[in-house]
C-alpha cells in the first residue's frame, strides 16, 4: 500500500473584495513530489489538537518551508528586521508534530523552514539573517539574482559517509536557494550532512532514528528538471513504507 504522508502548509491572511480570510497555503510542488515518489500526500492545517491523533493516521511527516520561527523559542530576545510572518500557532503545531513523530520513529523529511524547526526543536539556534549575522560570501536568495526556482544557484558538499551523500549518490549537490535564515548552533543530537562553500550548514540528519533528513534547499522545486532531487522523496517514501509494515506487524 502507498504510505500516507502528512505535509504542513503555511498560513496566509488574504484580502478579497468579499472579505479578509485566513488561509492555508502550500505549493503544489510538495504533494507532487511525494506522489511522484509513490506516496499519498495529505495536508495538515495548523491547529490546537493532539498531534498523536493526527500521526496515528500517517506513515511519514514532511515539514515544509515558509515563514520564520519565533526567535524567542531559541532564546533570541531581539527580532531581526528581516524576520517575518511569525505564527505561534504554526510553530506550536509543528514542534508538537516533530516531538511526537520522533517518539514514534516516524520517517521525517524537513525542507527549508522544516530543517530549522528540526534544529530548534532539538535545542539548536538559528541565524535570523544569514547575510547580516553570518556571511555575504555566498548569495542564498537566488530570486534576487534572477535565477529560476527550478535551477541551482550553488553547491552543497555532502559529508563523507553520511545520509545525504547516500541518498543523492554524490558528494556535491547542486541546489537552489531561497532562505535568509539558517542553522546557527547545531542541536546536540543532529549530524551535519552538508555545507555550502561559505561554511553554512544546509543539511542535517538524526542518526538515532530510522530516517530523519533536513535540507535547507527546495528539492520539490527541482525534481522535474533535475531528477536527482526526487531521491530524497523516494528514500523518504520508502522509509514510510517500511515503517507502515513494521507497524502493521506490531
C-alpha atoms as a PDB file:
ATOM      1  CA  UNK A   1       0.000   0.000   0.000  1.00  0.00           C
ATOM      2  CA  UNK A   2       1.107   3.547  -0.654  1.00  0.00           C
ATOM      3  CA  UNK A   3       2.130   5.358   2.534  1.00  0.00           C
ATOM      4  CA  UNK A   4       0.194   8.376   3.781  1.00  0.00           C
ATOM      5  CA  UNK A   5       2.460  11.424   4.066  1.00  0.00           C
ATOM      6  CA  UNK A   6       1.388  14.453   6.089  1.00  0.00           C
ATOM      7  CA  UNK A   7       2.640  17.848   4.868  1.00  0.00           C
ATOM      8  CA  UNK A   8       2.460  21.073   6.872  1.00  0.00           C
ATOM      9  CA  UNK A   9       1.327  24.229   4.997  1.00  0.00           C
ATOM     10  CA  UNK A  10       1.892  27.932   5.636  1.00  0.00           C
ATOM     11  CA  UNK A  11      -0.672  30.377   6.965  1.00  0.00           C
ATOM     12  CA  UNK A  12      -1.781  33.370   4.915  1.00  0.00           C
ATOM     13  CA  UNK A  13      -4.062  36.351   5.559  1.00  0.00           C
ATOM     14  CA  UNK A  14      -5.545  37.448   2.258  1.00  0.00           C
ATOM     15  CA  UNK A  15      -7.851  40.343   1.369  1.00  0.00           C
ATOM     16  CA  UNK A  16     -10.515  39.933  -1.320  1.00  0.00           C
ATOM     17  CA  UNK A  17     -13.445  42.036  -2.451  1.00  0.00           C
ATOM     18  CA  UNK A  18     -15.762  39.919  -0.281  1.00  0.00           C
ATOM     19  CA  UNK A  19     -13.648  39.924   2.881  1.00  0.00           C
ATOM     20  CA  UNK A  20     -10.426  39.062   4.670  1.00  0.00           C
ATOM     21  CA  UNK A  21      -9.649  35.374   5.087  1.00  0.00           C
ATOM     22  CA  UNK A  22      -7.102  33.259   6.949  1.00  0.00           C
ATOM     23  CA  UNK A  23      -5.993  30.585   4.514  1.00  0.00           C
ATOM     24  CA  UNK A  24      -3.650  27.600   4.316  1.00  0.00           C
ATOM     25  CA  UNK A  25      -1.021  27.830   1.590  1.00  0.00           C
ATOM     26  CA  UNK A  26       1.163  25.088   0.138  1.00  0.00           C
ATOM     27  CA  UNK A  27       2.952  24.981  -3.197  1.00  0.00           C
ATOM     28  CA  UNK A  28       1.744  22.003  -5.216  1.00  0.00           C
ATOM     29  CA  UNK A  29       5.388  21.049  -5.730  1.00  0.00           C
ATOM     30  CA  UNK A  30       5.388  19.315  -2.336  1.00  0.00           C
ATOM     31  CA  UNK A  31       2.441  16.938  -2.890  1.00  0.00           C
ATOM     32  CA  UNK A  32       3.527  16.407  -6.494  1.00  0.00           C
ATOM     33  CA  UNK A  33       6.986  15.273  -5.365  1.00  0.00           C
ATOM     34  CA  UNK A  34       5.516  12.971  -2.716  1.00  0.00           C
ATOM     35  CA  UNK A  35       3.049  11.473  -5.199  1.00  0.00           C
ATOM     36  CA  UNK A  36       5.744  11.020  -7.858  1.00  0.00           C
ATOM     37  CA  UNK A  37       7.864   9.180  -5.295  1.00  0.00           C
ATOM     38  CA  UNK A  38       4.977   6.815  -4.549  1.00  0.00           C
ATOM     39  CA  UNK A  39       3.304   8.356  -1.509  1.00  0.00           C
ATOM     40  CA  UNK A  40      -0.154   9.782  -0.868  1.00  0.00           C
ATOM     41  CA  UNK A  41       0.124  13.422   0.266  1.00  0.00           C
ATOM     42  CA  UNK A  42      -2.210  14.833   2.915  1.00  0.00           C
ATOM     43  CA  UNK A  43      -2.134  18.493   4.023  1.00  0.00           C
ATOM     44  CA  UNK A  44      -2.123  19.128   7.780  1.00  0.00           C
ATOM     45  CA  UNK A  45      -3.550  22.567   8.657  1.00  0.00           C
ATOM     46  CA  UNK A  46      -2.045  24.120  11.828  1.00  0.00           C
ATOM     47  CA  UNK A  47      -4.388  23.524  14.742  1.00  0.00           C
ATOM     48  CA  UNK A  48      -4.645  23.175  18.518  1.00  0.00           C
ATOM     49  CA  UNK A  49      -5.128  19.441  18.766  1.00  0.00           C
ATOM     50  CA  UNK A  50      -3.498  16.199  19.814  1.00  0.00           C
ATOM     51  CA  UNK A  51      -0.539  15.636  17.463  1.00  0.00           C
ATOM     52  CA  UNK A  52      -0.628  11.946  18.296  1.00  0.00           C
ATOM     53  CA  UNK A  53      -4.173  11.591  16.972  1.00  0.00           C
ATOM     54  CA  UNK A  54      -3.010  13.025  13.644  1.00  0.00           C
ATOM     55  CA  UNK A  55       0.129  10.906  13.413  1.00  0.00           C
ATOM     56  CA  UNK A  56      -1.864   7.754  14.246  1.00  0.00           C
ATOM     57  CA  UNK A  57      -3.121   8.003  10.657  1.00  0.00           C
ATOM     58  CA  UNK A  58       0.188   8.794   8.940  1.00  0.00           C
ATOM     59  CA  UNK A  59       3.260   6.904   7.763  1.00  0.00           C
ATOM     60  CA  UNK A  60       5.554   9.916   7.321  1.00  0.00           C
ATOM     61  CA  UNK A  61       5.818  13.622   8.125  1.00  0.00           C
ATOM     62  CA  UNK A  62       7.058  16.361   5.798  1.00  0.00           C
ATOM     63  CA  UNK A  63       7.778  19.726   7.438  1.00  0.00           C
ATOM     64  CA  UNK A  64       7.625  22.267   4.622  1.00  0.00           C
ATOM     65  CA  UNK A  65       9.082  25.714   4.006  1.00  0.00           C
ATOM     66  CA  UNK A  66       7.535  29.040   4.873  1.00  0.00           C
ATOM     67  CA  UNK A  67       7.819  31.999   7.226  1.00  0.00           C
ATOM     68  CA  UNK A  68      10.156  32.398  10.183  1.00  0.00           C
ATOM     69  CA  UNK A  69      10.090  30.757  13.602  1.00  0.00           C
ATOM     70  CA  UNK A  70       9.613  32.979  16.641  1.00  0.00           C
ATOM     71  CA  UNK A  71      13.198  33.802  17.766  1.00  0.00           C
ATOM     72  CA  UNK A  72      12.106  33.674  21.405  1.00  0.00           C
ATOM     73  CA  UNK A  73      11.762  29.896  21.047  1.00  0.00           C
ATOM     74  CA  UNK A  74      15.523  29.543  20.600  1.00  0.00           C
ATOM     75  CA  UNK A  75      16.463  32.237  23.084  1.00  0.00           C
ATOM     76  CA  UNK A  76      16.875  35.353  20.937  1.00  0.00           C
ATOM     77  CA  UNK A  77      15.481  38.361  22.783  1.00  0.00           C
ATOM     78  CA  UNK A  78      15.585  40.619  19.714  1.00  0.00           C
ATOM     79  CA  UNK A  79      13.723  40.121  16.451  1.00  0.00           C
ATOM     80  CA  UNK A  80      15.813  40.935  13.379  1.00  0.00           C
ATOM     81  CA  UNK A  81      14.162  43.410  10.970  1.00  0.00           C
ATOM     82  CA  UNK A  82      14.074  40.768   8.232  1.00  0.00           C
ATOM     83  CA  UNK A  83      12.328  38.140  10.376  1.00  0.00           C
ATOM     84  CA  UNK A  84       8.751  37.919   9.121  1.00  0.00           C
ATOM     85  CA  UNK A  85       5.256  36.445   9.481  1.00  0.00           C
ATOM     86  CA  UNK A  86       5.761  34.682  12.816  1.00  0.00           C
ATOM     87  CA  UNK A  87       2.884  32.347  13.639  1.00  0.00           C
ATOM     88  CA  UNK A  88       2.772  30.912  17.157  1.00  0.00           C
ATOM     89  CA  UNK A  89       0.046  28.504  16.035  1.00  0.00           C
ATOM     90  CA  UNK A  90       2.190  27.048  13.266  1.00  0.00           C
ATOM     91  CA  UNK A  91       5.292  26.938  15.479  1.00  0.00           C
ATOM     92  CA  UNK A  92       3.444  25.159  18.281  1.00  0.00           C
ATOM     93  CA  UNK A  93       1.756  22.733  15.898  1.00  0.00           C
ATOM     94  CA  UNK A  94       4.939  21.763  14.066  1.00  0.00           C
ATOM     95  CA  UNK A  95       7.004  21.377  17.234  1.00  0.00           C
ATOM     96  CA  UNK A  96       4.291  19.101  18.645  1.00  0.00           C
ATOM     97  CA  UNK A  97       4.222  17.022  15.449  1.00  0.00           C
ATOM     98  CA  UNK A  98       8.015  16.807  15.483  1.00  0.00           C
ATOM     99  CA  UNK A  99       8.194  15.619  19.107  1.00  0.00           C
ATOM    100  CA  UNK A 100       5.513  13.004  18.596  1.00  0.00           C
ATOM    101  CA  UNK A 101       6.974  11.793  15.281  1.00  0.00           C
ATOM    102  CA  UNK A 102      10.418  11.420  16.856  1.00  0.00           C
ATOM    103  CA  UNK A 103       8.937   9.458  19.766  1.00  0.00           C
ATOM    104  CA  UNK A 104       7.360   7.063  17.256  1.00  0.00           C
ATOM    105  CA  UNK A 105      10.414   6.965  14.959  1.00  0.00           C
ATOM    106  CA  UNK A 106       8.108   8.083  12.141  1.00  0.00           C
ATOM    107  CA  UNK A 107      10.122   8.991   8.992  1.00  0.00           C
ATOM    108  CA  UNK A 108      10.574  12.760   8.721  1.00  0.00           C
ATOM    109  CA  UNK A 109      11.689  14.934   5.807  1.00  0.00           C
ATOM    110  CA  UNK A 110      12.340  18.601   6.634  1.00  0.00           C
ATOM    111  CA  UNK A 111      12.637  21.240   3.909  1.00  0.00           C
ATOM    112  CA  UNK A 112      13.768  24.885   4.326  1.00  0.00           C
ATOM    113  CA  UNK A 113      11.815  26.105   7.380  1.00  0.00           C
ATOM    114  CA  UNK A 114      11.484  22.397   8.171  1.00  0.00           C
ATOM    115  CA  UNK A 115      15.211  21.943   8.843  1.00  0.00           C
ATOM    116  CA  UNK A 116      15.023  24.985  11.112  1.00  0.00           C
ATOM    117  CA  UNK A 117      12.078  23.502  13.041  1.00  0.00           C
ATOM    118  CA  UNK A 118      14.068  20.281  13.421  1.00  0.00           C
ATOM    119  CA  UNK A 119      17.161  22.066  14.706  1.00  0.00           C
ATOM    120  CA  UNK A 120      15.316  24.393  17.091  1.00  0.00           C
ATOM    121  CA  UNK A 121      13.029  21.599  18.268  1.00  0.00           C
ATOM    122  CA  UNK A 122      16.069  19.590  19.366  1.00  0.00           C
ATOM    123  CA  UNK A 123      17.768  22.503  21.101  1.00  0.00           C
ATOM    124  CA  UNK A 124      19.648  24.353  18.342  1.00  0.00           C
ATOM    125  CA  UNK A 125      19.558  28.001  17.276  1.00  0.00           C
ATOM    126  CA  UNK A 126      19.271  29.977  14.031  1.00  0.00           C
ATOM    127  CA  UNK A 127      20.838  32.888  12.237  1.00  0.00           C
ATOM    128  CA  UNK A 128      17.894  35.255  11.848  1.00  0.00           C
ATOM    129  CA  UNK A 129      19.534  36.776   8.793  1.00  0.00           C
ATOM    130  CA  UNK A 130      22.395  34.958   7.070  1.00  0.00           C
ATOM    131  CA  UNK A 131      23.759  37.982   5.195  1.00  0.00           C
ATOM    132  CA  UNK A 132      23.811  40.154   8.310  1.00  0.00           C
ATOM    133  CA  UNK A 133      24.754  37.637  11.014  1.00  0.00           C
ATOM    134  CA  UNK A 134      26.873  35.056   9.174  1.00  0.00           C
ATOM    135  CA  UNK A 135      28.381  35.947   5.804  1.00  0.00           C
ATOM    136  CA  UNK A 136      27.753  37.626   2.468  1.00  0.00           C
ATOM    137  CA  UNK A 137      30.342  35.483   0.687  1.00  0.00           C
ATOM    138  CA  UNK A 138      27.625  33.370  -0.936  1.00  0.00           C
ATOM    139  CA  UNK A 139      24.213  34.580  -2.102  1.00  0.00           C
ATOM    140  CA  UNK A 140      21.470  32.442  -0.555  1.00  0.00           C
ATOM    141  CA  UNK A 141      18.469  34.158  -2.166  1.00  0.00           C
ATOM    142  CA  UNK A 142      18.701  33.326  -5.836  1.00  0.00           C
ATOM    143  CA  UNK A 143      15.453  35.123  -6.717  1.00  0.00           C
ATOM    144  CA  UNK A 144      17.387  38.357  -6.170  1.00  0.00           C
ATOM    145  CA  UNK A 145      19.841  37.188  -8.854  1.00  0.00           C
ATOM    146  CA  UNK A 146      17.098  36.335 -11.349  1.00  0.00           C
ATOM    147  CA  UNK A 147      17.779  32.576 -11.233  1.00  0.00           C
ATOM    148  CA  UNK A 148      14.750  30.352 -11.848  1.00  0.00           C
ATOM    149  CA  UNK A 149      13.387  28.371  -8.909  1.00  0.00           C
ATOM    150  CA  UNK A 150      13.965  25.022 -10.609  1.00  0.00           C
ATOM    151  CA  UNK A 151      17.625  25.769 -11.348  1.00  0.00           C
ATOM    152  CA  UNK A 152      20.599  25.543  -8.979  1.00  0.00           C
ATOM    153  CA  UNK A 153      22.476  28.568  -7.695  1.00  0.00           C
ATOM    154  CA  UNK A 154      25.184  26.990  -5.530  1.00  0.00           C
ATOM    155  CA  UNK A 155      26.646  23.673  -4.441  1.00  0.00           C
ATOM    156  CA  UNK A 156      26.303  21.778  -1.171  1.00  0.00           C
ATOM    157  CA  UNK A 157      29.144  19.452  -0.208  1.00  0.00           C
ATOM    158  CA  UNK A 158      27.825  16.296   1.445  1.00  0.00           C
ATOM    159  CA  UNK A 159      29.576  14.822   4.470  1.00  0.00           C
ATOM    160  CA  UNK A 160      31.537  11.682   3.574  1.00  0.00           C
ATOM    161  CA  UNK A 161      29.679   8.535   4.553  1.00  0.00           C
ATOM    162  CA  UNK A 162      26.555  10.450   5.576  1.00  0.00           C
ATOM    163  CA  UNK A 163      22.886  10.004   4.798  1.00  0.00           C
ATOM    164  CA  UNK A 164      22.747  12.910   2.331  1.00  0.00           C
ATOM    165  CA  UNK A 165      25.622  11.519   0.243  1.00  0.00           C
ATOM    166  CA  UNK A 166      23.938   8.116   0.294  1.00  0.00           C
ATOM    167  CA  UNK A 167      20.547   9.491  -0.758  1.00  0.00           C
ATOM    168  CA  UNK A 168      21.893  11.606  -3.606  1.00  0.00           C
ATOM    169  CA  UNK A 169      24.694   9.212  -4.571  1.00  0.00           C
ATOM    170  CA  UNK A 170      27.065  12.158  -4.854  1.00  0.00           C
ATOM    171  CA  UNK A 171      29.337  14.238  -2.654  1.00  0.00           C
ATOM    172  CA  UNK A 172      28.476  17.506  -4.443  1.00  0.00           C
ATOM    173  CA  UNK A 173      24.855  18.529  -4.876  1.00  0.00           C
ATOM    174  CA  UNK A 174      23.790  21.484  -6.986  1.00  0.00           C
ATOM    175  CA  UNK A 175      20.911  23.158  -5.152  1.00  0.00           C
ATOM    176  CA  UNK A 176      18.569  26.108  -5.362  1.00  0.00           C
ATOM    177  CA  UNK A 177      18.435  28.637  -2.518  1.00  0.00           C
ATOM    178  CA  UNK A 178      15.711  30.985  -1.212  1.00  0.00           C
ATOM    179  CA  UNK A 179      16.398  31.373   2.510  1.00  0.00           C
ATOM    180  CA  UNK A 180      17.570  34.214   4.708  1.00  0.00           C
ATOM    181  CA  UNK A 181      17.709  32.141   7.910  1.00  0.00           C
ATOM    182  CA  UNK A 182      19.702  29.003   8.633  1.00  0.00           C
ATOM    183  CA  UNK A 183      21.134  26.693  11.289  1.00  0.00           C
ATOM    184  CA  UNK A 184      23.483  28.526  13.682  1.00  0.00           C
ATOM    185  CA  UNK A 185      24.257  26.304  16.676  1.00  0.00           C
ATOM    186  CA  UNK A 186      23.559  22.703  15.744  1.00  0.00           C
ATOM    187  CA  UNK A 187      21.277  20.753  18.086  1.00  0.00           C
ATOM    188  CA  UNK A 188      23.286  18.216  20.117  1.00  0.00           C
ATOM    189  CA  UNK A 189      21.739  15.099  18.564  1.00  0.00           C
ATOM    190  CA  UNK A 190      21.932  16.231  14.933  1.00  0.00           C
ATOM    191  CA  UNK A 191      24.699  15.417  12.465  1.00  0.00           C
ATOM    192  CA  UNK A 192      25.898  17.814   9.764  1.00  0.00           C
ATOM    193  CA  UNK A 193      25.128  16.251   6.381  1.00  0.00           C
ATOM    194  CA  UNK A 194      26.060  19.086   4.026  1.00  0.00           C
ATOM    195  CA  UNK A 195      27.514  22.591   3.904  1.00  0.00           C
ATOM    196  CA  UNK A 196      27.962  25.322   1.324  1.00  0.00           C
ATOM    197  CA  UNK A 197      31.339  26.806   0.402  1.00  0.00           C
ATOM    198  CA  UNK A 198      30.862  29.616   2.932  1.00  0.00           C
ATOM    199  CA  UNK A 199      30.511  27.037   5.726  1.00  0.00           C
ATOM    200  CA  UNK A 200      26.759  27.343   6.263  1.00  0.00           C
ATOM    201  CA  UNK A 201      25.022  24.139   7.384  1.00  0.00           C
ATOM    202  CA  UNK A 202      22.424  23.190   4.768  1.00  0.00           C
ATOM    203  CA  UNK A 203      21.649  19.561   5.569  1.00  0.00           C
ATOM    204  CA  UNK A 204      21.346  17.551   8.794  1.00  0.00           C
ATOM    205  CA  UNK A 205      20.231  14.125   9.956  1.00  0.00           C
ATOM    206  CA  UNK A 206      19.361  12.358  13.186  1.00  0.00           C
ATOM    207  CA  UNK A 207      21.215   9.074  13.297  1.00  0.00           C
ATOM    208  CA  UNK A 208      19.289   7.871  16.353  1.00  0.00           C
ATOM    209  CA  UNK A 209      16.186   7.476  14.181  1.00  0.00           C
ATOM    210  CA  UNK A 210      15.483   5.347  11.116  1.00  0.00           C
ATOM    211  CA  UNK A 211      15.016   8.303   8.728  1.00  0.00           C
ATOM    212  CA  UNK A 212      15.216  11.972   9.628  1.00  0.00           C
ATOM    213  CA  UNK A 213      16.704  14.279   6.987  1.00  0.00           C
ATOM    214  CA  UNK A 214      16.620  18.060   6.818  1.00  0.00           C
ATOM    215  CA  UNK A 215      17.682  20.168   3.834  1.00  0.00           C
ATOM    216  CA  UNK A 216      17.750  23.949   3.505  1.00  0.00           C
ATOM    217  CA  UNK A 217      17.043  23.978  -0.242  1.00  0.00           C
ATOM    218  CA  UNK A 218      13.876  23.063  -2.145  1.00  0.00           C
ATOM    219  CA  UNK A 219      14.209  19.714  -3.966  1.00  0.00           C
ATOM    220  CA  UNK A 220      10.467  19.737  -4.619  1.00  0.00           C
ATOM    221  CA  UNK A 221      11.002  22.675  -6.990  1.00  0.00           C
ATOM    222  CA  UNK A 222      13.828  20.966  -8.861  1.00  0.00           C
ATOM    223  CA  UNK A 223      12.958  17.287  -9.288  1.00  0.00           C
ATOM    224  CA  UNK A 224      11.170  17.583 -12.634  1.00  0.00           C
ATOM    225  CA  UNK A 225      14.179  19.192 -14.350  1.00  0.00           C
ATOM    226  CA  UNK A 226      16.885  17.588 -12.222  1.00  0.00           C
ATOM    227  CA  UNK A 227      15.794  14.067 -11.343  1.00  0.00           C
ATOM    228  CA  UNK A 228      18.400  13.593  -8.606  1.00  0.00           C
ATOM    229  CA  UNK A 229      16.257  15.863  -6.460  1.00  0.00           C
ATOM    230  CA  UNK A 230      13.481  13.256  -6.428  1.00  0.00           C
ATOM    231  CA  UNK A 231      15.792  10.945  -4.479  1.00  0.00           C
ATOM    232  CA  UNK A 232      15.124  12.463  -1.031  1.00  0.00           C
ATOM    233  CA  UNK A 233      11.407  11.917  -1.589  1.00  0.00           C
ATOM    234  CA  UNK A 234      11.927   8.387  -2.864  1.00  0.00           C
ATOM    235  CA  UNK A 235      14.049   7.490   0.157  1.00  0.00           C
ATOM    236  CA  UNK A 236      11.571   9.173   2.487  1.00  0.00           C
ATOM    237  CA  UNK A 237       8.592   7.346   0.973  1.00  0.00           C
ATOM    238  CA  UNK A 238      10.486   4.036   1.091  1.00  0.00           C
ATOM    239  CA  UNK A 239      11.171   4.640   4.791  1.00  0.00           C
ATOM    240  CA  UNK A 240       7.468   5.372   5.307  1.00  0.00           C
ATOM    241  CA  UNK A 241       6.546   2.094   3.592  1.00  0.00           C
ATOM    242  CA  UNK A 242       8.918   0.200   5.873  1.00  0.00           C
ATOM    243  CA  UNK A 243       7.552   1.987   8.929  1.00  0.00           C
ATOM    244  CA  UNK A 244       3.962   1.164   7.987  1.00  0.00           C
ATOM    245  CA  UNK A 245       4.807  -2.514   7.517  1.00  0.00           C
ATOM    246  CA  UNK A 246       6.524  -2.725  10.882  1.00  0.00           C
ATOM    247  CA  UNK A 247       3.535  -1.015  12.463  1.00  0.00           C
ATOM    248  CA  UNK A 248       1.146  -3.423  10.771  1.00  0.00           C
ATOM    249  CA  UNK A 249       3.119  -6.420  12.039  1.00  0.00           C
ATOM    250  CA  UNK A 250       3.152  -4.920  15.544  1.00  0.00           C
END
